Amino acid sequence: MSTAAARSTPGRARRRIVAFLAALACLLAALRCIAADPAAPVVLKPGQYRWFPEASPTGPVVAVVSLDEQRLYVYRNGVAIGVSTISSGRRGHETPEGTFTILQKAKFHKSDLYDDAPMPFMQRLTWDGVAMHAGTLPGYPASHGCIRLPAAFASKLFDVTRRGETIIVASAKTSALSIARPAFLAPVAPSGSPMAAGVRTDAWWREEPPHAPDPLSILVALRDRRVYVLRGGELIAESPLEIADGFSPNGSLVLIAGAQFDDEPSRLDPLWPRRRWSAYAFDYVNATLSLDELAEHLRVPPDFARRLYAEIDAGTTVLVTNLPGIRAGVPPAPSKQTQQ
């Protein structure tokens, strides 16, 4: 058993890793025009959707939820493949804004909080009850915090996503700087319970089964001077981080690995070609930076860098942020996974 797993005891303080900061409203504005005519707005009645996966048959999926529009936009490999009406959380139960990863998926799920209410095609975004699932769409926010989808669309979206992929939730009319609530991703043990992740001074990597199916999520915590690597929400690796003198970026940068490569070596590992990335900035000093370019200013032990780059695949999500990566004293998730 790894040291990290051994430390996962109920009596220990729980720690959560800050995963993917609130998304930009300007990103929503840029991605909103998804109809056949890119200049035309999408006109949909409650419960309606558009779905054209043939526009991009393969690649990592990112979904963008606009709370003000009550819409969900789907992109695969950076190309729009769908849009749907939604119903988000009503007043007093607002859906949290932020950038989340899919923690769990279940075609047939019942609410632990609301009288076993059915939640078909459930995709969990938080451990405390927020998910996407099929449900009633009255044309306005009406849920207890979840994102309700038309049943047919929920099924289609369920089929194209993987656990660990990125879901961005934001208000299109809210400026990026005023989005207050970050998203959280709790590292979990194989049993699904939260894991107490002890901060170490050395680099480590827990061995995994070959060809682990879930995409990686990587948190580069500048304030902590640490790099945290998660798969399926579970902390699997950690390394100290060296920051070059004079490099002090502000804000956060979300990078999503694409499937294409350039004809030049990666700075992380020259034995591999340089991978192409999509970048989404939140008040960041340079939104065009790639992971390879960040490697000029941020250093981890060479062996750790080589192992990390070998594990990166299309859909890997990297968050570079100057906010603290570890927060102590967060209550553990309930033993029985609660949902709405």
C-alpha atoms as a PDB file:
ATOM      1  CA  MET A   1       0.000   0.000   0.000  1.00  0.00           C
ATOM      2  CA  SER A   2       1.335   3.457  -0.843  1.00  0.00           C
ATOM      3  CA  THR A   3       2.064   5.987   1.895  1.00  0.00           C
ATOM      4  CA  ALA A   4      -0.696   8.236   0.568  1.00  0.00           C
ATOM      5  CA  ALA A   5      -3.219   5.429   0.760  1.00  0.00           C
ATOM      6  CA  ALA A   6      -2.057   4.478   4.229  1.00  0.00           C
ATOM      7  CA  ARG A   7      -2.731   8.009   5.415  1.00  0.00           C
ATOM      8  CA  SER A   8      -6.354   7.839   4.289  1.00  0.00           C
ATOM      9  CA  THR A   9      -7.899   7.290   7.722  1.00  0.00           C
ATOM     10  CA  PRO A  10     -11.212   8.723   8.950  1.00  0.00           C
ATOM     11  CA  GLY A  11      -9.594  10.396  11.970  1.00  0.00           C
ATOM     12  CA  ARG A  12      -7.140  12.505   9.962  1.00  0.00           C
ATOM     13  CA  ALA A  13      -7.800  16.006   8.721  1.00  0.00           C
ATOM     14  CA  ARG A  14      -9.111  16.001   5.166  1.00  0.00           C
ATOM     15  CA  ARG A  15      -7.448  18.092   2.528  1.00  0.00           C
ATOM     16  CA  ARG A  16      -8.818  19.074  -0.813  1.00  0.00           C
ATOM     17  CA  ILE A  17      -6.889  20.060  -3.890  1.00  0.00           C
ATOM     18  CA  VAL A  18      -8.119  23.172  -5.647  1.00  0.00           C
ATOM     19  CA  ALA A  19      -8.836  22.003  -9.168  1.00  0.00           C
ATOM     20  CA  PHE A  20      -9.802  24.288 -12.004  1.00  0.00           C
ATOM     21  CA  LEU A  21     -10.630  27.944 -11.282  1.00  0.00           C
ATOM     22  CA  ALA A  22     -13.706  29.830 -12.443  1.00  0.00           C
ATOM     23  CA  ALA A  23     -14.003  30.090 -16.226  1.00  0.00           C
ATOM     24  CA  LEU A  24     -13.988  33.250 -18.245  1.00  0.00           C
ATOM     25  CA  ALA A  25     -17.141  34.960 -19.431  1.00  0.00           C
ATOM     26  CA  CYS A  26     -15.244  35.987 -22.535  1.00  0.00           C
ATOM     27  CA  LEU A  27     -14.700  32.304 -23.317  1.00  0.00           C
ATOM     28  CA  LEU A  28     -18.447  31.822 -23.283  1.00  0.00           C
ATOM     29  CA  ALA A  29     -18.890  34.782 -25.590  1.00  0.00           C
ATOM     30  CA  ALA A  30     -16.366  33.354 -28.017  1.00  0.00           C
ATOM     31  CA  LEU A  31     -17.895  29.884 -27.984  1.00  0.00           C
ATOM     32  CA  ARG A  32     -21.580  30.803 -27.891  1.00  0.00           C
ATOM     33  CA  CYS A  33     -22.297  30.853 -31.637  1.00  0.00           C
ATOM     34  CA  ILE A  34     -22.630  27.164 -32.292  1.00  0.00           C
ATOM     35  CA  ALA A  35     -25.359  27.088 -34.945  1.00  0.00           C
ATOM     36  CA  ALA A  36     -24.725  26.207 -38.576  1.00  0.00           C
ATOM     37  CA  ASP A  37     -24.400  29.926 -39.268  1.00  0.00           C
ATOM     38  CA  PRO A  38     -21.693  31.000 -36.799  1.00  0.00           C
ATOM     39  CA  ALA A  39     -23.007  34.561 -36.803  1.00  0.00           C
ATOM     40  CA  ALA A  40     -26.554  33.543 -35.843  1.00  0.00           C
ATOM     41  CA  PRO A  41     -27.613  32.960 -32.220  1.00  0.00           C
ATOM     42  CA  VAL A  42     -29.021  29.604 -31.201  1.00  0.00           C
ATOM     43  CA  VAL A  43     -32.798  29.769 -30.727  1.00  0.00           C
ATOM     44  CA  LEU A  44     -34.069  26.849 -28.649  1.00  0.00           C
ATOM     45  CA  LYS A  45     -37.228  26.279 -26.642  1.00  0.00           C
ATOM     46  CA  PRO A  46     -37.023  24.580 -23.224  1.00  0.00           C
ATOM     47  CA  GLY A  47     -36.117  20.924 -23.724  1.00  0.00           C
ATOM     48  CA  GLN A  48     -34.680  21.428 -27.213  1.00  0.00           C
ATOM     49  CA  TYR A  49     -31.090  20.794 -28.281  1.00  0.00           C
ATOM     50  CA  ARG A  50     -28.852  20.455 -31.344  1.00  0.00           C
ATOM     51  CA  TRP A  51     -26.372  17.606 -31.776  1.00  0.00           C
ATOM     52  CA  PHE A  52     -23.884  17.099 -34.608  1.00  0.00           C
ATOM     53  CA  PRO A  53     -20.976  14.909 -33.394  1.00  0.00           C
ATOM     54  CA  GLU A  54     -19.801  14.293 -36.947  1.00  0.00           C
ATOM     55  CA  ALA A  55     -18.297  17.810 -36.893  1.00  0.00           C
ATOM     56  CA  SER A  56     -15.477  16.380 -34.751  1.00  0.00           C
ATOM     57  CA  PRO A  57     -15.648  12.575 -34.425  1.00  0.00           C
ATOM     58  CA  THR A  58     -12.820  12.146 -31.899  1.00  0.00           C
ATOM     59  CA  GLY A  59     -10.872  14.014 -29.254  1.00  0.00           C
ATOM     60  CA  PRO A  60     -11.240  15.362 -25.701  1.00  0.00           C
ATOM     61  CA  VAL A  61     -14.623  16.818 -24.732  1.00  0.00           C
ATOM     62  CA  VAL A  62     -15.171  20.138 -22.920  1.00  0.00           C
ATOM     63  CA  ALA A  63     -18.667  21.345 -21.952  1.00  0.00           C
ATOM     64  CA  VAL A  64     -19.398  25.018 -21.205  1.00  0.00           C
ATOM     65  CA  VAL A  65     -22.507  25.861 -19.152  1.00  0.00           C
ATOM     66  CA  SER A  66     -23.884  29.413 -19.413  1.00  0.00           C
ATOM     67  CA  LEU A  67     -26.112  30.027 -16.399  1.00  0.00           C
ATOM     68  CA  ASP A  68     -27.497  33.315 -17.729  1.00  0.00           C
ATOM     69  CA  GLU A  69     -28.431  31.768 -21.070  1.00  0.00           C
ATOM     70  CA  GLN A  70     -29.514  28.443 -19.531  1.00  0.00           C
ATOM     71  CA  ARG A  71     -27.494  26.678 -22.222  1.00  0.00           C
ATOM     72  CA  LEU A  72     -24.827  23.989 -22.334  1.00  0.00           C
ATOM     73  CA  TYR A  73     -22.300  23.995 -25.194  1.00  0.00           C
ATOM     74  CA  VAL A  74     -20.244  20.912 -26.083  1.00  0.00           C
ATOM     75  CA  TYR A  75     -16.836  20.977 -27.799  1.00  0.00           C
ATOM     76  CA  ARG A  76     -14.774  18.020 -28.936  1.00  0.00           C
ATOM     77  CA  ASN A  77     -11.154  18.607 -29.842  1.00  0.00           C
ATOM     78  CA  GLY A  78     -12.002  22.324 -29.817  1.00  0.00           C
ATOM     79  CA  VAL A  79     -14.879  21.993 -32.318  1.00  0.00           C
ATOM     80  CA  ALA A  80     -18.541  22.638 -31.428  1.00  0.00           C
ATOM     81  CA  ILE A  81     -20.631  19.446 -31.593  1.00  0.00           C
ATOM     82  CA  GLY A  82     -23.766  20.318 -29.610  1.00  0.00           C
ATOM     83  CA  VAL A  83     -25.854  22.811 -27.668  1.00  0.00           C
ATOM     84  CA  SER A  84     -28.784  22.250 -25.311  1.00  0.00           C
ATOM     85  CA  THR A  85     -31.172  24.062 -23.035  1.00  0.00           C
ATOM     86  CA  ILE A  86     -30.716  23.375 -19.320  1.00  0.00           C
ATOM     87  CA  SER A  87     -32.256  24.129 -15.942  1.00  0.00           C
ATOM     88  CA  SER A  88     -29.730  25.062 -13.259  1.00  0.00           C
ATOM     89  CA  GLY A  89     -30.118  25.738  -9.535  1.00  0.00           C
ATOM     90  CA  ARG A  90     -32.922  28.018  -8.399  1.00  0.00           C
ATOM     91  CA  ARG A  91     -32.563  30.927  -5.965  1.00  0.00           C
ATOM     92  CA  GLY A  92     -31.085  29.687  -2.712  1.00  0.00           C
ATOM     93  CA  HIS A  93     -29.717  26.559  -4.435  1.00  0.00           C
ATOM     94  CA  GLU A  94     -27.601  28.198  -7.141  1.00  0.00           C
ATOM     95  CA  THR A  95     -25.350  26.001  -9.249  1.00  0.00           C
ATOM     96  CA  PRO A  96     -21.754  26.888  -8.295  1.00  0.00           C
ATOM     97  CA  GLU A  97     -19.624  28.564 -10.926  1.00  0.00           C
ATOM     98  CA  GLY A  98     -16.191  27.248 -11.740  1.00  0.00           C
ATOM     99  CA  THR A  99     -14.319  24.699 -13.810  1.00  0.00           C
ATOM    100  CA  PHE A 100     -15.019  21.135 -12.739  1.00  0.00           C
ATOM    101  CA  THR A 101     -14.055  17.640 -13.784  1.00  0.00           C
ATOM    102  CA  ILE A 102     -16.428  14.701 -14.093  1.00  0.00           C
ATOM    103  CA  LEU A 103     -15.910  12.673 -10.908  1.00  0.00           C
ATOM    104  CA  GLN A 104     -18.400   9.843 -11.485  1.00  0.00           C
ATOM    105  CA  LYS A 105     -20.818   8.629 -14.144  1.00  0.00           C
ATOM    106  CA  ALA A 106     -23.923   6.443 -13.733  1.00  0.00           C
ATOM    107  CA  LYS A 107     -26.683   5.761 -16.265  1.00  0.00           C
ATOM    108  CA  PHE A 108     -29.129   4.899 -13.495  1.00  0.00           C
ATOM    109  CA  HIS A 109     -28.852   6.902 -10.291  1.00  0.00           C
ATOM    110  CA  LYS A 110     -31.257   7.870  -7.510  1.00  0.00           C
ATOM    111  CA  SER A 111     -30.970  10.878  -5.237  1.00  0.00           C
ATOM    112  CA  ASP A 112     -29.836  10.233  -1.681  1.00  0.00           C
ATOM    113  CA  LEU A 113     -31.214  13.619  -0.605  1.00  0.00           C
ATOM    114  CA  TYR A 114     -34.600  13.886  -2.303  1.00  0.00           C
ATOM    115  CA  ASP A 115     -36.680  10.729  -1.841  1.00  0.00           C
ATOM    116  CA  ASP A 116     -34.794   8.559  -4.332  1.00  0.00           C
ATOM    117  CA  ALA A 117     -35.647  10.934  -7.184  1.00  0.00           C
ATOM    118  CA  PRO A 118     -34.358   9.438 -10.444  1.00  0.00           C
ATOM    119  CA  MET A 119     -31.273  11.067 -11.994  1.00  0.00           C
ATOM    120  CA  PRO A 120     -30.725   9.335 -15.351  1.00  0.00           C
ATOM    121  CA  PHE A 121     -27.344   9.709 -17.049  1.00  0.00           C
ATOM    122  CA  MET A 122     -25.815  11.298 -13.965  1.00  0.00           C
ATOM    123  CA  GLN A 123     -22.360  12.890 -14.265  1.00  0.00           C
ATOM    124  CA  ARG A 124     -21.092  14.068 -10.870  1.00  0.00           C
ATOM    125  CA  LEU A 125     -19.248  17.399 -10.656  1.00  0.00           C
ATOM    126  CA  THR A 126     -18.830  17.710  -6.862  1.00  0.00           C
ATOM    127  CA  TRP A 127     -18.889  15.313  -3.938  1.00  0.00           C
ATOM    128  CA  ASP A 128     -21.502  17.382  -2.125  1.00  0.00           C
ATOM    129  CA  GLY A 129     -24.324  16.998  -4.591  1.00  0.00           C
ATOM    130  CA  VAL A 130     -23.880  18.842  -7.897  1.00  0.00           C
ATOM    131  CA  ALA A 131     -24.232  16.829 -11.099  1.00  0.00           C
ATOM    132  CA  MET A 132     -25.512  16.936 -14.665  1.00  0.00           C
ATOM    133  CA  HIS A 133     -28.446  14.610 -15.358  1.00  0.00           C
ATOM    134  CA  ALA A 134     -31.693  14.231 -17.289  1.00  0.00           C
ATOM    135  CA  GLY A 135     -34.613  16.109 -15.764  1.00  0.00           C
ATOM    136  CA  THR A 136     -37.509  18.514 -16.202  1.00  0.00           C
ATOM    137  CA  LEU A 137     -36.750  21.791 -17.995  1.00  0.00           C
ATOM    138  CA  PRO A 138     -39.382  24.474 -17.289  1.00  0.00           C
ATOM    139  CA  GLY A 139     -37.407  27.217 -19.049  1.00  0.00           C
ATOM    140  CA  TYR A 140     -35.787  28.751 -15.961  1.00  0.00           C
ATOM    141  CA  PRO A 141     -33.505  27.707 -13.058  1.00  0.00           C
ATOM    142  CA  ALA A 142     -35.496  25.189 -10.992  1.00  0.00           C
ATOM    143  CA  SER A 143     -33.150  22.542  -9.564  1.00  0.00           C
ATOM    144  CA  HIS A 144     -31.532  22.151  -6.150  1.00  0.00           C
ATOM    145  CA  GLY A 145     -28.146  22.919  -7.718  1.00  0.00           C
ATOM    146  CA  CYS A 146     -27.767  20.259 -10.391  1.00  0.00           C
ATOM    147  CA  ILE A 147     -27.736  20.942 -14.124  1.00  0.00           C
ATOM    148  CA  ARG A 148     -30.824  19.342 -15.660  1.00  0.00           C
ATOM    149  CA  LEU A 149     -30.660  18.279 -19.313  1.00  0.00           C
ATOM    150  CA  PRO A 150     -33.195  16.990 -21.855  1.00  0.00           C
ATOM    151  CA  ALA A 151     -33.278  13.196 -21.572  1.00  0.00           C
ATOM    152  CA  ALA A 152     -32.150  12.485 -25.140  1.00  0.00           C
ATOM    153  CA  PHE A 153     -29.341  15.033 -24.929  1.00  0.00           C
ATOM    154  CA  ALA A 154     -28.246  13.736 -21.515  1.00  0.00           C
ATOM    155  CA  SER A 155     -27.870  10.274 -23.044  1.00  0.00           C
ATOM    156  CA  LYS A 156     -25.819  11.573 -25.979  1.00  0.00           C
ATOM    157  CA  LEU A 157     -23.567  13.664 -23.751  1.00  0.00           C
ATOM    158  CA  PHE A 158     -23.096  10.721 -21.391  1.00  0.00           C
ATOM    159  CA  ASP A 159     -21.887   8.587 -24.295  1.00  0.00           C
ATOM    160  CA  VAL A 160     -19.162  11.003 -25.451  1.00  0.00           C
ATOM    161  CA  THR A 161     -17.652  12.071 -22.112  1.00  0.00           C
ATOM    162  CA  ARG A 162     -15.106  10.342 -19.934  1.00  0.00           C
ATOM    163  CA  ARG A 163     -14.556  10.612 -16.221  1.00  0.00           C
ATOM    164  CA  GLY A 164     -12.025  13.373 -15.612  1.00  0.00           C
ATOM    165  CA  GLU A 165     -13.051  15.576 -18.535  1.00  0.00           C
ATOM    166  CA  THR A 166     -13.721  19.286 -18.072  1.00  0.00           C
ATOM    167  CA  ILE A 167     -17.060  21.022 -17.412  1.00  0.00           C
ATOM    168  CA  ILE A 168     -16.984  24.853 -17.208  1.00  0.00           C
ATOM    169  CA  VAL A 169     -19.857  26.622 -15.426  1.00  0.00           C
ATOM    170  CA  ALA A 170     -20.083  30.426 -15.585  1.00  0.00           C
ATOM    171  CA  SER A 171     -22.477  33.331 -15.874  1.00  0.00           C
ATOM    172  CA  ALA A 172     -22.058  34.997 -19.258  1.00  0.00           C
ATOM    173  CA  LYS A 173     -23.068  38.363 -17.797  1.00  0.00           C
ATOM    174  CA  THR A 174     -20.622  38.189 -14.903  1.00  0.00           C
ATOM    175  CA  SER A 175     -17.163  39.635 -15.431  1.00  0.00           C
ATOM    176  CA  ALA A 176     -14.357  37.139 -14.996  1.00  0.00           C
ATOM    177  CA  LEU A 177     -12.860  39.024 -12.067  1.00  0.00           C
ATOM    178  CA  SER A 178     -16.086  38.876 -10.058  1.00  0.00           C
ATOM    179  CA  ILE A 179     -16.568  35.099 -10.289  1.00  0.00           C
ATOM    180  CA  ALA A 180     -15.985  34.338  -6.640  1.00  0.00           C
ATOM    181  CA  ARG A 181     -16.351  30.605  -6.067  1.00  0.00           C
ATOM    182  CA  PRO A 182     -13.644  28.245  -7.268  1.00  0.00           C
ATOM    183  CA  ALA A 183     -14.405  24.624  -8.020  1.00  0.00           C
ATOM    184  CA  PHE A 184     -12.943  21.850  -5.864  1.00  0.00           C
ATOM    185  CA  LEU A 185     -11.848  18.344  -6.712  1.00  0.00           C
ATOM    186  CA  ALA A 186     -11.382  16.039  -3.724  1.00  0.00           C
ATOM    187  CA  PRO A 187      -8.654  13.414  -4.109  1.00  0.00           C
ATOM    188  CA  VAL A 188     -10.222  10.066  -3.362  1.00  0.00           C
ATOM    189  CA  ALA A 189      -9.089   6.596  -2.494  1.00  0.00           C
ATOM    190  CA  PRO A 190      -9.990   3.641  -4.777  1.00  0.00           C
ATOM    191  CA  SER A 191     -13.014   3.016  -2.540  1.00  0.00           C
ATOM    192  CA  GLY A 192     -14.383   6.451  -3.452  1.00  0.00           C
ATOM    193  CA  SER A 193     -13.861   7.983  -0.005  1.00  0.00           C
ATOM    194  CA  PRO A 194     -11.817  11.199   0.349  1.00  0.00           C
ATOM    195  CA  MET A 195      -8.091  10.664   0.747  1.00  0.00           C
ATOM    196  CA  ALA A 196      -5.881  12.521   3.213  1.00  0.00           C
ATOM    197  CA  ALA A 197      -3.015  13.672   1.007  1.00  0.00           C
ATOM    198  CA  GLY A 198       0.067  14.415   3.079  1.00  0.00           C
ATOM    199  CA  VAL A 199       2.338  17.106   1.624  1.00  0.00           C
ATOM    200  CA  ARG A 200       5.807  15.685   0.996  1.00  0.00           C
ATOM    201  CA  THR A 201       9.090  17.369   0.246  1.00  0.00           C
ATOM    202  CA  ASP A 202      10.200  14.792  -2.322  1.00  0.00           C
ATOM    203  CA  ALA A 203       8.734  13.728  -5.658  1.00  0.00           C
ATOM    204  CA  TRP A 204       6.727  10.505  -5.678  1.00  0.00           C
ATOM    205  CA  TRP A 205       4.559   8.534  -8.074  1.00  0.00           C
ATOM    206  CA  ARG A 206       2.181   5.750  -7.117  1.00  0.00           C
ATOM    207  CA  GLU A 207       2.211   2.789  -9.457  1.00  0.00           C
ATOM    208  CA  GLU A 208      -1.001   2.267 -11.455  1.00  0.00           C
ATOM    209  CA  PRO A 209      -2.384  -0.527 -13.617  1.00  0.00           C
ATOM    210  CA  PRO A 210      -1.195  -0.289 -17.233  1.00  0.00           C
ATOM    211  CA  HIS A 211      -3.380   1.811 -19.531  1.00  0.00           C
ATOM    212  CA  ALA A 212      -5.396   3.474 -16.756  1.00  0.00           C
ATOM    213  CA  PRO A 213      -8.529   4.765 -18.543  1.00  0.00           C
ATOM    214  CA  ASP A 214      -9.195   8.119 -16.862  1.00  0.00           C
ATOM    215  CA  PRO A 215      -7.490  11.275 -18.161  1.00  0.00           C
ATOM    216  CA  LEU A 216      -4.963  13.073 -16.002  1.00  0.00           C
ATOM    217  CA  SER A 217      -5.611  16.313 -14.144  1.00  0.00           C
ATOM    218  CA  ILE A 218      -2.502  18.274 -13.168  1.00  0.00           C
ATOM    219  CA  LEU A 219      -2.435  21.143 -10.668  1.00  0.00           C
ATOM    220  CA  VAL A 220       0.631  23.409 -10.770  1.00  0.00           C
ATOM    221  CA  ALA A 221       0.336  25.334  -7.483  1.00  0.00           C
ATOM    222  CA  LEU A 222       2.749  28.267  -7.708  1.00  0.00           C
ATOM    223  CA  ARG A 223       2.185  29.447  -4.131  1.00  0.00           C
ATOM    224  CA  ASP A 224       2.745  25.955  -2.737  1.00  0.00           C
ATOM    225  CA  ARG A 225       5.637  25.340  -5.148  1.00  0.00           C
ATOM    226  CA  ARG A 226       4.162  21.899  -5.762  1.00  0.00           C
ATOM    227  CA  VAL A 227       2.799  19.907  -8.687  1.00  0.00           C
ATOM    228  CA  TYR A 228      -0.116  17.537  -7.960  1.00  0.00           C
ATOM    229  CA  VAL A 229      -1.185  14.843 -10.432  1.00  0.00           C
ATOM    230  CA  LEU A 230      -4.655  13.266 -10.231  1.00  0.00           C
ATOM    231  CA  ARG A 231      -6.403  10.567 -12.224  1.00  0.00           C
ATOM    232  CA  GLY A 232     -10.143  10.165 -11.831  1.00  0.00           C
ATOM    233  CA  GLY A 233      -9.998  12.501  -8.827  1.00  0.00           C
ATOM    234  CA  GLU A 234      -7.369  10.380  -7.055  1.00  0.00           C
ATOM    235  CA  LEU A 235      -3.980  11.840  -6.158  1.00  0.00           C
ATOM    236  CA  ILE A 236      -1.354   9.653  -7.829  1.00  0.00           C
ATOM    237  CA  ALA A 237       1.790  11.804  -7.888  1.00  0.00           C
ATOM    238  CA  GLU A 238       3.358  14.904  -6.371  1.00  0.00           C
ATOM    239  CA  SER A 239       6.549  16.874  -6.917  1.00  0.00           C
ATOM    240  CA  PRO A 240       8.332  19.969  -5.648  1.00  0.00           C
ATOM    241  CA  LEU A 241       8.294  22.901  -8.083  1.00  0.00           C
ATOM    242  CA  GLU A 242      11.169  25.298  -8.761  1.00  0.00           C
ATOM    243  CA  ILE A 243      10.168  28.734 -10.088  1.00  0.00           C
ATOM    244  CA  ALA A 244      12.644  30.872 -12.041  1.00  0.00           C
ATOM    245  CA  ASP A 245      13.648  34.207 -10.527  1.00  0.00           C
ATOM    246  CA  GLY A 246      11.512  37.037 -11.842  1.00  0.00           C
ATOM    247  CA  PHE A 247       8.657  34.787 -13.000  1.00  0.00           C
ATOM    248  CA  SER A 248       5.574  35.772 -11.001  1.00  0.00           C
ATOM    249  CA  PRO A 249       2.402  35.330 -13.078  1.00  0.00           C
ATOM    250  CA  ASN A 250      -0.973  36.339 -11.696  1.00  0.00           C
ATOM    251  CA  GLY A 251      -4.244  34.486 -12.087  1.00  0.00           C
ATOM    252  CA  SER A 252      -4.812  31.004 -13.455  1.00  0.00           C
ATOM    253  CA  LEU A 253      -4.377  29.262 -16.772  1.00  0.00           C
ATOM    254  CA  VAL A 254      -6.272  26.129 -17.829  1.00  0.00           C
ATOM    255  CA  LEU A 255      -4.537  24.035 -20.497  1.00  0.00           C
ATOM    256  CA  ILE A 256      -6.179  21.069 -22.251  1.00  0.00           C
ATOM    257  CA  ALA A 257      -3.994  18.686 -24.241  1.00  0.00           C
ATOM    258  CA  GLY A 258      -4.925  18.115 -27.866  1.00  0.00           C
ATOM    259  CA  ALA A 259      -4.246  15.120 -30.069  1.00  0.00           C
ATOM    260  CA  GLN A 260      -1.834  16.880 -32.447  1.00  0.00           C
ATOM    261  CA  PHE A 261       1.943  17.235 -32.175  1.00  0.00           C
ATOM    262  CA  ASP A 262       4.459  19.677 -33.634  1.00  0.00           C
ATOM    263  CA  ASP A 263       7.648  18.709 -35.459  1.00  0.00           C
ATOM    264  CA  GLU A 264       9.910  19.734 -32.603  1.00  0.00           C
ATOM    265  CA  PRO A 265      10.859  18.168 -29.282  1.00  0.00           C
ATOM    266  CA  SER A 266       9.106  18.901 -26.028  1.00  0.00           C
ATOM    267  CA  ARG A 267      10.999  20.892 -23.426  1.00  0.00           C
ATOM    268  CA  LEU A 268       9.673  18.550 -20.759  1.00  0.00           C
ATOM    269  CA  ASP A 269      11.201  15.533 -22.485  1.00  0.00           C
ATOM    270  CA  PRO A 270      13.159  16.007 -25.742  1.00  0.00           C
ATOM    271  CA  LEU A 271      12.555  12.358 -26.630  1.00  0.00           C
ATOM    272  CA  TRP A 272       8.867  13.209 -27.210  1.00  0.00           C
ATOM    273  CA  PRO A 273       7.419  15.627 -29.792  1.00  0.00           C
ATOM    274  CA  ARG A 274       5.870  18.855 -28.574  1.00  0.00           C
ATOM    275  CA  ARG A 275       2.121  18.486 -28.044  1.00  0.00           C
ATOM    276  CA  ARG A 276      -0.432  21.140 -28.993  1.00  0.00           C
ATOM    277  CA  TRP A 277      -2.582  22.615 -26.211  1.00  0.00           C
ATOM    278  CA  SER A 278      -5.734  24.709 -25.912  1.00  0.00           C
ATOM    279  CA  ALA A 279      -5.389  27.528 -23.345  1.00  0.00           C
ATOM    280  CA  TYR A 280      -8.168  29.217 -21.341  1.00  0.00           C
ATOM    281  CA  ALA A 281      -6.973  32.082 -19.129  1.00  0.00           C
ATOM    282  CA  PHE A 282      -8.443  33.549 -15.957  1.00  0.00           C
ATOM    283  CA  ASP A 283      -6.753  36.946 -15.441  1.00  0.00           C
ATOM    284  CA  TYR A 284      -3.464  35.380 -16.515  1.00  0.00           C
ATOM    285  CA  VAL A 285      -0.382  37.280 -17.588  1.00  0.00           C
ATOM    286  CA  ASN A 286      -0.096  35.357 -20.878  1.00  0.00           C
ATOM    287  CA  ALA A 287      -2.993  33.229 -22.104  1.00  0.00           C
ATOM    288  CA  THR A 288      -0.966  31.907 -25.041  1.00  0.00           C
ATOM    289  CA  LEU A 289       1.578  30.037 -22.934  1.00  0.00           C
ATOM    290  CA  SER A 290       1.780  26.299 -23.527  1.00  0.00           C
ATOM    291  CA  LEU A 291       2.894  23.707 -21.010  1.00  0.00           C
ATOM    292  CA  ASP A 292       6.189  23.414 -22.890  1.00  0.00           C
ATOM    293  CA  GLU A 293       6.754  27.183 -22.703  1.00  0.00           C
ATOM    294  CA  LEU A 294       5.946  27.206 -19.002  1.00  0.00           C
ATOM    295  CA  ALA A 295       8.704  24.630 -18.614  1.00  0.00           C
ATOM    296  CA  GLU A 296      11.192  27.448 -19.285  1.00  0.00           C
ATOM    297  CA  HIS A 297      10.169  29.071 -15.986  1.00  0.00           C
ATOM    298  CA  LEU A 298       8.900  26.136 -13.932  1.00  0.00           C
ATOM    299  CA  ARG A 299      11.134  23.164 -13.149  1.00  0.00           C
ATOM    300  CA  VAL A 300      10.439  19.788 -11.585  1.00  0.00           C
ATOM    301  CA  PRO A 301      12.909  16.928 -11.108  1.00  0.00           C
ATOM    302  CA  PRO A 302      13.906  15.552 -14.554  1.00  0.00           C
ATOM    303  CA  ASP A 303      12.761  12.000 -13.847  1.00  0.00           C
ATOM    304  CA  PHE A 304       9.366  13.276 -12.678  1.00  0.00           C
ATOM    305  CA  ALA A 305       9.037  15.487 -15.785  1.00  0.00           C
ATOM    306  CA  ARG A 306       9.777  12.576 -18.121  1.00  0.00           C
ATOM    307  CA  ARG A 307       7.286  10.308 -16.374  1.00  0.00           C
ATOM    308  CA  LEU A 308       4.647  13.046 -16.372  1.00  0.00           C
ATOM    309  CA  TYR A 309       4.989  13.850 -20.064  1.00  0.00           C
ATOM    310  CA  ALA A 310       4.797  10.165 -20.970  1.00  0.00           C
ATOM    311  CA  GLU A 311       1.463   9.930 -19.113  1.00  0.00           C
ATOM    312  CA  ILE A 312      -0.102  12.996 -20.768  1.00  0.00           C
ATOM    313  CA  ASP A 313      -2.713  12.192 -23.406  1.00  0.00           C
ATOM    314  CA  ALA A 314      -5.372  14.073 -25.356  1.00  0.00           C
ATOM    315  CA  GLY A 315      -7.790  15.491 -22.800  1.00  0.00           C
ATOM    316  CA  THR A 316      -5.268  15.926 -19.989  1.00  0.00           C
ATOM    317  CA  THR A 317      -6.151  19.103 -18.084  1.00  0.00           C
ATOM    318  CA  VAL A 318      -3.509  21.317 -16.461  1.00  0.00           C
ATOM    319  CA  LEU A 319      -4.263  24.198 -14.093  1.00  0.00           C
ATOM    320  CA  VAL A 320      -1.455  26.667 -13.404  1.00  0.00           C
ATOM    321  CA  THR A 321      -2.483  28.980 -10.560  1.00  0.00           C
ATOM    322  CA  ASN A 322      -0.981  31.243  -7.917  1.00  0.00           C
ATOM    323  CA  LEU A 323      -3.757  30.350  -5.480  1.00  0.00           C
ATOM    324  CA  PRO A 324      -2.953  27.819  -2.742  1.00  0.00           C
ATOM    325  CA  GLY A 325      -3.291  24.233  -3.861  1.00  0.00           C
ATOM    326  CA  ILE A 326      -3.953  22.634  -0.473  1.00  0.00           C
ATOM    327  CA  ARG A 327      -6.691  23.629   1.939  1.00  0.00           C
ATOM    328  CA  ALA A 328      -6.869  21.876   5.286  1.00  0.00           C
ATOM    329  CA  GLY A 329      -9.819  21.238   7.535  1.00  0.00           C
ATOM    330  CA  VAL A 330     -12.395  20.578   4.803  1.00  0.00           C
ATOM    331  CA  PRO A 331     -15.070  18.128   5.988  1.00  0.00           C
ATOM    332  CA  PRO A 332     -14.929  14.714   4.288  1.00  0.00           C
ATOM    333  CA  ALA A 333     -17.473  13.670   1.711  1.00  0.00           C
ATOM    334  CA  PRO A 334     -20.314  11.589   3.189  1.00  0.00           C
ATOM    335  CA  SER A 335     -19.743   7.847   3.246  1.00  0.00           C
ATOM    336  CA  LYS A 336     -22.846   7.400   1.143  1.00  0.00           C
ATOM    337  CA  GLN A 337     -22.364   9.613  -1.894  1.00  0.00           C
ATOM    338  CA  THR A 338     -25.119  12.195  -1.641  1.00  0.00           C
ATOM    339  CA  GLN A 339     -26.760  13.642  -4.717  1.00  0.00           C
ATOM    340  CA  GLN A 340     -29.840  15.615  -5.600  1.00  0.00           C
END
